Amino acid sequence: MENNNYEDITLTCKDCGAEFTFTAGEQEFYAEKGFTNQPVRCPACRRARKQQRNNNNY
């Protein structure tokens, strides 16, 4: 049985130190995908890191 009692939580980005909200919806999405860890980077740092990885693949 699924636990749909998610609540927004505030996390701190390990790259820039900014606080960001890990929303209930994001938590549910992570659970549906089978991810067990919380994100460690804010959305801006995740985008920057993904962009950097994509640029290095050429």
N, C-alpha and C. Protein backbone atom coordinates (compact mmCIF):
# COMPACT_ATOMS: atom_id res chain seq x y z
N MET A 1 0.84 -1.19 0.00
CA MET A 1 0.00 0.00 0.00
C MET A 1 0.88 1.24 0.00
N GLU A 2 0.52 2.22 -0.84
CA GLU A 2 1.32 3.44 -0.95
C GLU A 2 1.05 4.41 0.19
N ASN A 3 2.07 5.15 0.54
CA ASN A 3 1.94 6.20 1.54
C ASN A 3 1.82 7.52 0.80
N ASN A 4 0.63 8.09 0.74
CA ASN A 4 0.41 9.35 0.05
C ASN A 4 0.41 10.52 1.01
N ASN A 5 0.99 10.36 2.17
CA ASN A 5 1.02 11.42 3.17
C ASN A 5 2.31 12.22 3.07
N TYR A 6 2.61 12.70 1.87
CA TYR A 6 3.82 13.49 1.68
C TYR A 6 3.57 14.93 2.10
N GLU A 7 4.60 15.55 2.65
CA GLU A 7 4.55 16.96 3.00
C GLU A 7 5.79 17.63 2.44
N ASP A 8 5.64 18.89 2.03
CA ASP A 8 6.80 19.64 1.54
C ASP A 8 7.87 19.69 2.62
N ILE A 9 9.11 19.51 2.22
CA ILE A 9 10.22 19.63 3.16
C ILE A 9 11.27 20.55 2.57
N THR A 10 12.01 21.21 3.42
CA THR A 10 13.06 22.11 2.99
C THR A 10 14.40 21.41 3.09
N LEU A 11 15.15 21.44 1.99
CA LEU A 11 16.47 20.84 1.93
C LEU A 11 17.50 21.91 1.60
N THR A 12 18.76 21.62 1.82
CA THR A 12 19.83 22.55 1.50
C THR A 12 20.70 21.96 0.39
N CYS A 13 20.93 22.74 -0.65
CA CYS A 13 21.73 22.30 -1.80
C CYS A 13 23.18 22.10 -1.38
N LYS A 14 23.75 20.96 -1.79
CA LYS A 14 25.13 20.68 -1.41
C LYS A 14 26.13 21.47 -2.26
N ASP A 15 25.67 22.01 -3.39
CA ASP A 15 26.58 22.78 -4.24
C ASP A 15 26.60 24.26 -3.87
N CYS A 16 25.43 24.89 -3.82
CA CYS A 16 25.39 26.34 -3.60
C CYS A 16 24.95 26.73 -2.20
N GLY A 17 24.43 25.77 -1.42
CA GLY A 17 24.02 26.06 -0.05
C GLY A 17 22.65 26.69 0.10
N ALA A 18 21.96 26.89 -1.02
CA ALA A 18 20.63 27.50 -0.97
C ALA A 18 19.60 26.49 -0.46
N GLU A 19 18.61 26.99 0.24
CA GLU A 19 17.51 26.14 0.66
C GLU A 19 16.51 26.02 -0.48
N PHE A 20 15.94 24.83 -0.64
CA PHE A 20 14.91 24.62 -1.65
C PHE A 20 13.88 23.65 -1.11
N THR A 21 12.69 23.70 -1.68
CA THR A 21 11.59 22.87 -1.22
C THR A 21 11.49 21.61 -2.07
N PHE A 22 11.49 20.48 -1.39
CA PHE A 22 11.22 19.19 -2.02
C PHE A 22 9.73 18.95 -1.80
N THR A 23 8.94 19.25 -2.83
CA THR A 23 7.49 19.26 -2.66
C THR A 23 6.91 17.86 -2.51
N ALA A 24 5.71 17.82 -1.99
CA ALA A 24 5.00 16.55 -1.82
C ALA A 24 4.86 15.85 -3.17
N GLY A 25 4.56 16.62 -4.21
CA GLY A 25 4.42 16.05 -5.55
C GLY A 25 5.72 15.44 -6.06
N GLU A 26 6.83 16.14 -5.81
CA GLU A 26 8.14 15.62 -6.21
C GLU A 26 8.46 14.35 -5.44
N GLN A 27 8.14 14.33 -4.16
CA GLN A 27 8.40 13.14 -3.34
C GLN A 27 7.62 11.95 -3.88
N GLU A 28 6.38 12.19 -4.25
CA GLU A 28 5.55 11.11 -4.79
C GLU A 28 6.13 10.61 -6.11
N PHE A 29 6.57 11.55 -6.96
CA PHE A 29 7.19 11.19 -8.24
C PHE A 29 8.44 10.34 -8.01
N TYR A 30 9.29 10.77 -7.06
CA TYR A 30 10.50 10.01 -6.74
C TYR A 30 10.14 8.60 -6.30
N ALA A 31 9.12 8.48 -5.45
CA ALA A 31 8.69 7.17 -4.94
C ALA A 31 8.19 6.29 -6.08
N GLU A 32 7.42 6.88 -7.01
CA GLU A 32 6.90 6.12 -8.14
C GLU A 32 8.03 5.60 -9.03
N LYS A 33 9.10 6.36 -9.14
CA LYS A 33 10.24 5.97 -9.96
C LYS A 33 11.17 5.01 -9.22
N GLY A 34 10.91 4.80 -7.94
CA GLY A 34 11.73 3.89 -7.17
C GLY A 34 12.97 4.53 -6.57
N PHE A 35 13.05 5.87 -6.64
CA PHE A 35 14.19 6.56 -6.05
C PHE A 35 14.03 6.57 -4.54
N THR A 36 15.10 6.26 -3.83
CA THR A 36 15.02 6.19 -2.38
C THR A 36 15.72 7.37 -1.71
N ASN A 37 16.55 8.11 -2.45
CA ASN A 37 17.26 9.24 -1.87
C ASN A 37 16.58 10.55 -2.21
N GLN A 38 16.70 11.50 -1.31
CA GLN A 38 16.22 12.85 -1.57
C GLN A 38 17.22 13.56 -2.46
N PRO A 39 16.78 14.56 -3.22
CA PRO A 39 17.74 15.31 -4.03
C PRO A 39 18.72 16.06 -3.13
N VAL A 40 19.96 16.21 -3.59
CA VAL A 40 20.97 16.91 -2.80
C VAL A 40 21.29 18.28 -3.41
N ARG A 41 20.76 18.54 -4.61
CA ARG A 41 20.99 19.82 -5.27
C ARG A 41 19.67 20.51 -5.56
N CYS A 42 19.70 21.84 -5.53
CA CYS A 42 18.50 22.62 -5.86
C CYS A 42 18.23 22.48 -7.36
N PRO A 43 17.03 22.82 -7.79
CA PRO A 43 16.70 22.69 -9.22
C PRO A 43 17.69 23.42 -10.14
N ALA A 44 18.14 24.61 -9.76
CA ALA A 44 19.07 25.37 -10.60
C ALA A 44 20.40 24.63 -10.74
N CYS A 45 20.92 24.09 -9.65
CA CYS A 45 22.18 23.35 -9.71
C CYS A 45 22.02 22.03 -10.45
N ARG A 46 20.86 21.39 -10.32
CA ARG A 46 20.61 20.15 -11.08
C ARG A 46 20.62 20.45 -12.57
N ARG A 47 19.95 21.56 -12.97
CA ARG A 47 19.94 21.94 -14.39
C ARG A 47 21.35 22.24 -14.89
N ALA A 48 22.11 23.00 -14.10
CA ALA A 48 23.47 23.36 -14.49
C ALA A 48 24.34 22.11 -14.64
N ARG A 49 24.20 21.19 -13.71
CA ARG A 49 25.00 19.96 -13.75
C ARG A 49 24.60 19.12 -14.96
N LYS A 50 23.31 19.03 -15.25
CA LYS A 50 22.85 18.27 -16.41
C LYS A 50 23.36 18.91 -17.70
N GLN A 51 23.31 20.23 -17.76
CA GLN A 51 23.80 20.95 -18.94
C GLN A 51 25.29 20.69 -19.13
N GLN A 52 26.03 20.72 -18.04
CA GLN A 52 27.47 20.48 -18.11
C GLN A 52 27.76 19.07 -18.62
N ARG A 53 27.01 18.09 -18.12
CA ARG A 53 27.19 16.70 -18.58
C ARG A 53 26.87 16.60 -20.08
N ASN A 54 25.79 17.25 -20.51
CA ASN A 54 25.41 17.20 -21.92
C ASN A 54 26.46 17.84 -22.81
N ASN A 55 27.07 18.93 -22.37
CA ASN A 55 28.11 19.59 -23.15
C ASN A 55 29.37 18.76 -23.25
N ASN A 56 29.64 17.94 -22.24
CA ASN A 56 30.84 17.12 -22.25
C ASN A 56 30.71 15.88 -23.12
N ASN A 57 29.51 15.60 -23.58
CA ASN A 57 29.29 14.39 -24.39
C ASN A 57 29.57 14.61 -25.86
N TYR A 58 29.99 15.78 -26.26
CA TYR A 58 30.24 16.05 -27.69
C TYR A 58 31.67 15.84 -28.05
